N, C-alpha and C. Protein backbone atom coordinates (compact mmCIF):
# COMPACT_ATOMS: atom_id res chain seq x y z
N UNK A 1 65.80 163.72 268.05
CA UNK A 1 66.94 164.16 267.66
C UNK A 1 66.94 165.69 267.34
N UNK A 2 67.68 166.63 268.08
CA UNK A 2 67.56 168.03 267.83
C UNK A 2 69.02 168.66 267.43
N UNK A 3 68.81 169.59 266.44
CA UNK A 3 70.08 170.01 265.95
C UNK A 3 70.31 171.43 266.26
N UNK A 4 71.74 171.56 266.70
CA UNK A 4 71.44 173.10 266.84
C UNK A 4 71.51 174.07 265.71
N UNK A 5 71.30 175.26 265.83
CA UNK A 5 71.29 176.27 264.49
C UNK A 5 72.49 176.37 263.66
N UNK A 6 73.53 176.00 264.52
CA UNK A 6 74.87 176.27 263.78
C UNK A 6 75.19 175.05 262.71
N UNK A 7 74.78 173.80 263.21
CA UNK A 7 74.79 172.57 262.25
C UNK A 7 73.81 172.65 261.20
N UNK A 8 72.69 173.17 261.52
CA UNK A 8 71.56 173.36 260.53
C UNK A 8 72.26 174.14 259.11
N UNK A 9 73.02 175.37 259.73
CA UNK A 9 73.60 176.47 258.85
C UNK A 9 74.77 175.87 258.14
N UNK A 10 75.33 175.19 258.81
CA UNK A 10 76.68 174.34 258.36
C UNK A 10 76.23 173.39 257.15
N UNK A 11 75.03 172.44 257.53
CA UNK A 11 74.65 171.90 256.52
C UNK A 11 74.12 172.08 255.42
N UNK A 12 73.54 173.42 255.50
CA UNK A 12 72.81 174.15 254.67
C UNK A 12 74.01 174.76 253.62
N UNK A 13 74.80 175.36 254.14
CA UNK A 13 75.86 175.77 253.28
C UNK A 13 76.82 174.63 252.52
N UNK A 14 77.14 173.41 253.32
CA UNK A 14 77.54 172.48 252.33
C UNK A 14 76.73 171.84 251.36
N UNK A 15 75.58 172.06 251.48
CA UNK A 15 74.81 171.39 250.20
C UNK A 15 74.40 172.35 249.18
N UNK A 16 74.81 173.72 249.49
CA UNK A 16 74.48 174.94 248.67
C UNK A 16 75.70 174.97 247.85
N UNK A 17 76.70 174.73 248.63
CA UNK A 17 78.22 174.56 247.75
C UNK A 17 78.05 173.76 246.85
N UNK A 18 77.78 172.45 247.35
CA UNK A 18 77.74 171.43 246.12
C UNK A 18 76.97 171.43 244.83
N UNK A 19 75.63 171.97 245.33
CA UNK A 19 74.74 172.33 244.12
C UNK A 19 75.35 173.69 243.08
N UNK A 20 76.12 174.36 243.97
CA UNK A 20 76.46 175.33 243.10
C UNK A 20 77.46 175.08 242.18
N UNK A 21 78.26 174.12 242.72
CA UNK A 21 79.28 173.54 242.10
C UNK A 21 79.07 172.79 240.81
N UNK A 22 77.62 172.16 240.94
CA UNK A 22 77.52 171.24 239.57
C UNK A 22 76.73 172.46 238.90
N UNK A 23 76.41 173.44 238.98
CA UNK A 23 76.06 174.24 238.17
C UNK A 23 76.97 174.96 237.31
N UNK A 24 78.23 175.36 237.79
CA UNK A 24 79.16 175.71 237.25
C UNK A 24 79.39 175.08 235.84
N UNK A 25 79.99 175.66 234.74
CA UNK A 25 80.51 175.08 233.55
C UNK A 25 81.58 174.39 233.70
N UNK A 26 81.83 173.31 232.88
CA UNK A 26 83.01 172.53 233.32
C UNK A 26 84.09 173.13 232.62
N UNK A 27 85.43 172.40 233.16
CA UNK A 27 86.62 173.16 233.19
C UNK A 27 87.03 172.93 231.51
N UNK A 28 86.37 171.98 230.55
CA UNK A 28 86.64 171.81 229.37
C UNK A 28 85.52 172.61 228.49
N UNK A 29 86.09 173.09 227.58
CA UNK A 29 85.36 173.96 226.41
C UNK A 29 85.04 173.15 225.24
N UNK A 30 83.62 172.77 224.74
CA UNK A 30 83.61 172.08 223.76
C UNK A 30 83.93 172.44 222.55
N UNK A 31 84.69 171.50 221.94
CA UNK A 31 85.22 171.82 220.60
C UNK A 31 83.80 172.35 219.31
N UNK A 32 84.40 173.55 218.61
CA UNK A 32 83.44 174.03 218.02
C UNK A 32 83.15 172.89 216.64
N UNK A 33 81.69 172.92 216.40
CA UNK A 33 81.03 172.24 215.12
C UNK A 33 81.68 172.67 214.15
N UNK A 34 82.26 171.92 213.31
CA UNK A 34 82.76 172.19 211.78
C UNK A 34 81.92 172.28 210.68
N UNK A 35 81.52 173.23 210.00
CA UNK A 35 80.55 172.95 209.12
C UNK A 35 81.17 173.53 207.58
N UNK A 36 80.91 172.60 206.53
CA UNK A 36 81.73 172.88 205.29
C UNK A 36 80.85 173.47 204.56
N UNK A 37 80.99 174.61 204.07
CA UNK A 37 80.07 175.23 203.10
C UNK A 37 80.50 175.49 201.41
N UNK A 38 79.67 174.93 200.64
CA UNK A 38 80.42 174.88 199.14
C UNK A 38 79.94 176.22 198.77
N UNK A 39 80.77 176.99 198.12
CA UNK A 39 80.31 178.12 197.28
C UNK A 39 81.03 178.30 195.98
N UNK A 40 80.47 179.50 195.31
CA UNK A 40 81.04 179.53 193.85
C UNK A 40 82.17 180.67 194.11
N UNK A 41 81.85 181.60 194.74
CA UNK A 41 83.00 182.93 194.72
C UNK A 41 83.59 183.19 196.03
N UNK A 42 84.75 182.65 196.35
CA UNK A 42 85.18 183.16 197.77
C UNK A 42 84.38 182.97 198.99
N UNK A 43 84.44 183.44 199.80
CA UNK A 43 83.73 183.84 201.07
C UNK A 43 82.60 184.56 201.02
N UNK A 44 81.35 183.89 201.16
CA UNK A 44 80.41 184.97 201.12
C UNK A 44 80.17 186.14 202.33
N UNK A 45 80.02 187.27 202.12
CA UNK A 45 79.95 188.50 202.75
C UNK A 45 79.20 188.29 204.14
N UNK A 46 78.09 187.49 204.22
CA UNK A 46 77.52 187.35 205.62
C UNK A 46 78.36 186.49 206.24
N UNK A 47 79.26 185.45 205.99
CA UNK A 47 79.95 184.57 206.53
C UNK A 47 81.23 185.52 207.06
N UNK A 48 81.76 186.04 206.11
CA UNK A 48 82.88 187.11 206.86
C UNK A 48 82.16 187.88 207.97
N UNK A 49 81.26 188.63 208.08
CA UNK A 49 81.01 189.42 208.74
C UNK A 49 80.60 188.46 210.07
N UNK A 50 79.99 187.44 209.99
CA UNK A 50 79.58 186.76 211.18
C UNK A 50 80.82 186.19 211.91
N UNK A 51 81.84 185.74 211.19
CA UNK A 51 83.09 185.39 211.91
C UNK A 51 83.86 186.36 212.26
N UNK A 52 83.84 187.56 211.67
CA UNK A 52 84.48 189.02 212.44
C UNK A 52 83.74 189.06 213.56
N UNK A 53 82.57 189.15 213.59
CA UNK A 53 81.91 189.53 214.82
C UNK A 53 81.92 188.71 216.06
N UNK A 54 82.24 187.26 215.81
CA UNK A 54 82.36 186.36 216.88
C UNK A 54 81.10 185.50 217.08
N UNK A 55 80.20 185.85 215.90
CA UNK A 55 78.59 185.23 215.98
C UNK A 55 78.85 183.54 215.83
N UNK A 56 79.67 183.06 214.94
CA UNK A 56 79.88 181.82 215.00
C UNK A 56 80.74 181.15 216.16
N UNK A 57 81.53 181.98 216.70
CA UNK A 57 82.06 181.14 218.02
C UNK A 57 81.34 181.31 219.05
N UNK A 58 80.29 182.34 219.20
CA UNK A 58 79.27 182.31 220.28
C UNK A 58 78.39 180.95 220.26
N UNK A 59 78.04 180.56 219.22
CA UNK A 59 77.57 179.25 219.01
C UNK A 59 78.13 178.14 218.88
N UNK A 60 79.58 178.22 219.02
CA UNK A 60 80.31 176.95 218.86
C UNK A 60 80.26 176.32 217.52
N UNK A 61 80.36 177.18 216.27
CA UNK A 61 80.38 176.91 214.94
C UNK A 61 81.79 177.34 214.32
N UNK A 62 82.30 176.35 213.42
CA UNK A 62 83.40 176.81 212.86
C UNK A 62 83.06 176.55 211.45
N UNK A 63 83.17 177.60 210.61
CA UNK A 63 82.81 177.58 209.11
C UNK A 63 83.94 177.35 208.06
N UNK A 64 84.01 176.41 207.74
CA UNK A 64 85.03 176.19 206.17
C UNK A 64 84.42 176.54 204.94
N UNK A 65 84.84 177.28 204.15
CA UNK A 65 84.33 177.43 202.50
C UNK A 65 85.30 176.69 201.79
N UNK A 66 84.71 176.05 200.68
CA UNK A 66 85.35 175.66 199.65
C UNK A 66 84.78 176.12 198.40
N UNK A 67 85.64 176.47 197.49
CA UNK A 67 85.01 177.15 196.20
C UNK A 67 84.87 176.29 195.16
N UNK A 68 84.20 176.64 194.07
CA UNK A 68 83.92 175.74 193.11
C UNK A 68 83.83 176.61 191.73
N UNK A 69 84.05 176.09 190.56
CA UNK A 69 83.95 176.97 189.47
C UNK A 69 82.27 177.28 188.75
N UNK A 70 81.62 176.49 189.21
CA UNK A 70 80.44 176.60 188.53
C UNK A 70 78.97 175.72 189.66
N UNK A 71 77.85 176.16 189.16
CA UNK A 71 76.86 175.71 190.01
C UNK A 71 76.61 173.81 189.88
N UNK A 72 76.93 173.62 188.55
CA UNK A 72 76.85 172.17 188.47
C UNK A 72 77.94 171.31 189.21
N UNK A 73 78.96 171.86 189.45
CA UNK A 73 80.05 171.34 190.59
C UNK A 73 79.78 171.15 191.89
N UNK A 74 78.89 172.44 192.17
CA UNK A 74 78.79 172.71 193.43
C UNK A 74 77.62 171.55 193.85
N UNK A 75 76.68 171.49 193.29
CA UNK A 75 75.43 170.60 193.39
C UNK A 75 75.85 169.17 193.22
N UNK A 76 76.81 168.50 192.51
CA UNK A 76 77.68 167.55 192.59
C UNK A 76 78.20 167.20 193.68
N UNK A 77 79.02 167.85 194.14
CA UNK A 77 79.61 167.67 195.22
C UNK A 77 79.01 167.76 196.68
N UNK A 78 78.04 168.71 196.98
CA UNK A 78 76.98 168.34 197.80
C UNK A 78 76.08 167.40 197.97
N UNK A 79 75.71 166.49 196.58
CA UNK A 79 75.09 165.39 196.59
C UNK A 79 76.00 164.29 196.93
N UNK A 80 77.23 164.58 196.77
CA UNK A 80 78.28 163.18 197.12
C UNK A 80 78.75 163.42 198.57
N UNK A 81 78.27 164.55 199.34
CA UNK A 81 78.67 164.59 200.53
C UNK A 81 79.96 165.48 201.07
N UNK A 82 80.43 166.28 199.81
CA UNK A 82 81.52 166.92 200.12
C UNK A 82 81.53 167.88 201.14
N UNK A 83 80.28 168.51 201.32
CA UNK A 83 79.85 169.67 202.11
C UNK A 83 78.57 169.55 202.93
N UNK A 84 78.34 170.29 204.06
CA UNK A 84 77.05 170.36 204.57
C UNK A 84 76.07 171.25 204.33
N UNK A 85 76.66 172.14 203.36
CA UNK A 85 75.73 173.32 203.11
C UNK A 85 76.36 174.12 201.76
N UNK A 86 75.23 174.42 200.81
CA UNK A 86 75.50 175.31 199.82
C UNK A 86 75.47 176.51 199.68
N UNK A 87 76.13 177.61 199.11
CA UNK A 87 75.52 178.93 199.26
C UNK A 87 75.75 179.27 197.72
N UNK A 88 74.14 179.08 197.34
CA UNK A 88 74.11 179.70 195.85
C UNK A 88 73.20 180.67 195.33
N UNK A 89 72.93 180.74 194.54
CA UNK A 89 71.96 181.86 193.83
C UNK A 89 70.36 180.90 193.47
N UNK A 90 69.46 181.66 193.22
CA UNK A 90 68.23 181.25 192.88
C UNK A 90 68.38 180.52 192.01
N UNK A 91 69.22 180.65 190.88
CA UNK A 91 69.13 179.87 189.66
C UNK A 91 69.19 178.29 190.07
N UNK A 92 70.07 177.99 191.32
CA UNK A 92 70.37 176.60 191.60
C UNK A 92 69.18 176.13 192.03
N UNK A 93 67.88 176.66 192.37
CA UNK A 93 66.75 175.98 192.86
C UNK A 93 66.14 175.46 191.71
N UNK A 94 66.09 176.05 190.79
CA UNK A 94 65.70 175.45 189.21
C UNK A 94 66.30 174.42 188.89
N UNK A 95 67.77 174.36 189.04
CA UNK A 95 68.41 173.42 188.62
C UNK A 95 68.34 171.86 189.36
N UNK A 96 67.88 172.41 190.79
CA UNK A 96 67.62 171.28 191.48
C UNK A 96 66.35 170.66 191.36
N UNK A 97 65.48 171.23 190.95
CA UNK A 97 64.07 171.11 190.54
C UNK A 97 63.86 170.21 189.60
N UNK A 98 64.95 170.51 188.39
CA UNK A 98 64.89 170.08 187.00
C UNK A 98 65.78 168.73 187.25
N UNK A 99 66.49 168.65 188.18
CA UNK A 99 67.35 167.45 188.72
C UNK A 99 66.35 166.25 189.01
N UNK A 100 65.83 166.84 189.85
CA UNK A 100 64.74 166.00 190.79
C UNK A 100 63.56 165.49 189.85
N UNK A 101 63.28 166.28 189.17
CA UNK A 101 62.06 166.10 188.14
C UNK A 101 62.54 164.91 187.01
N UNK A 102 63.72 164.81 186.58
CA UNK A 102 64.09 164.10 185.63
C UNK A 102 64.30 162.58 186.82
N UNK A 103 64.95 162.92 187.60
CA UNK A 103 65.18 161.36 188.57
C UNK A 103 63.86 160.66 188.92
N UNK A 104 62.78 161.28 189.12
CA UNK A 104 61.42 161.06 189.52
C UNK A 104 60.71 160.45 188.15
N UNK A 105 61.03 161.10 187.08
CA UNK A 105 60.47 160.61 185.97
C UNK A 105 60.75 159.07 185.42
N UNK A 106 62.11 158.90 185.50
CA UNK A 106 62.73 158.10 185.18
C UNK A 106 62.31 156.46 185.57
């Protein structure tokens, strides 16, 4: 069976069209993933700058912060699953270390 050039071009064009359509982004945009960050004082500067520059939106992340009065409350809420991430200072690493040492020693 012999095909004309026009039929081969048409078949190729139709196949290329369907492959191209499959590669287009879908009409629905995915909802941003929400991350809750537990903090001590307000919204950390790094988060404010990243939000203002659209970095979180670029990667599909929506950051919500919740403030607490002290590190102990932040650690307790993080351990309870209130948030996914805690933004704290170095002194909190010592607190976690002490807490874990007491837990494993018991």
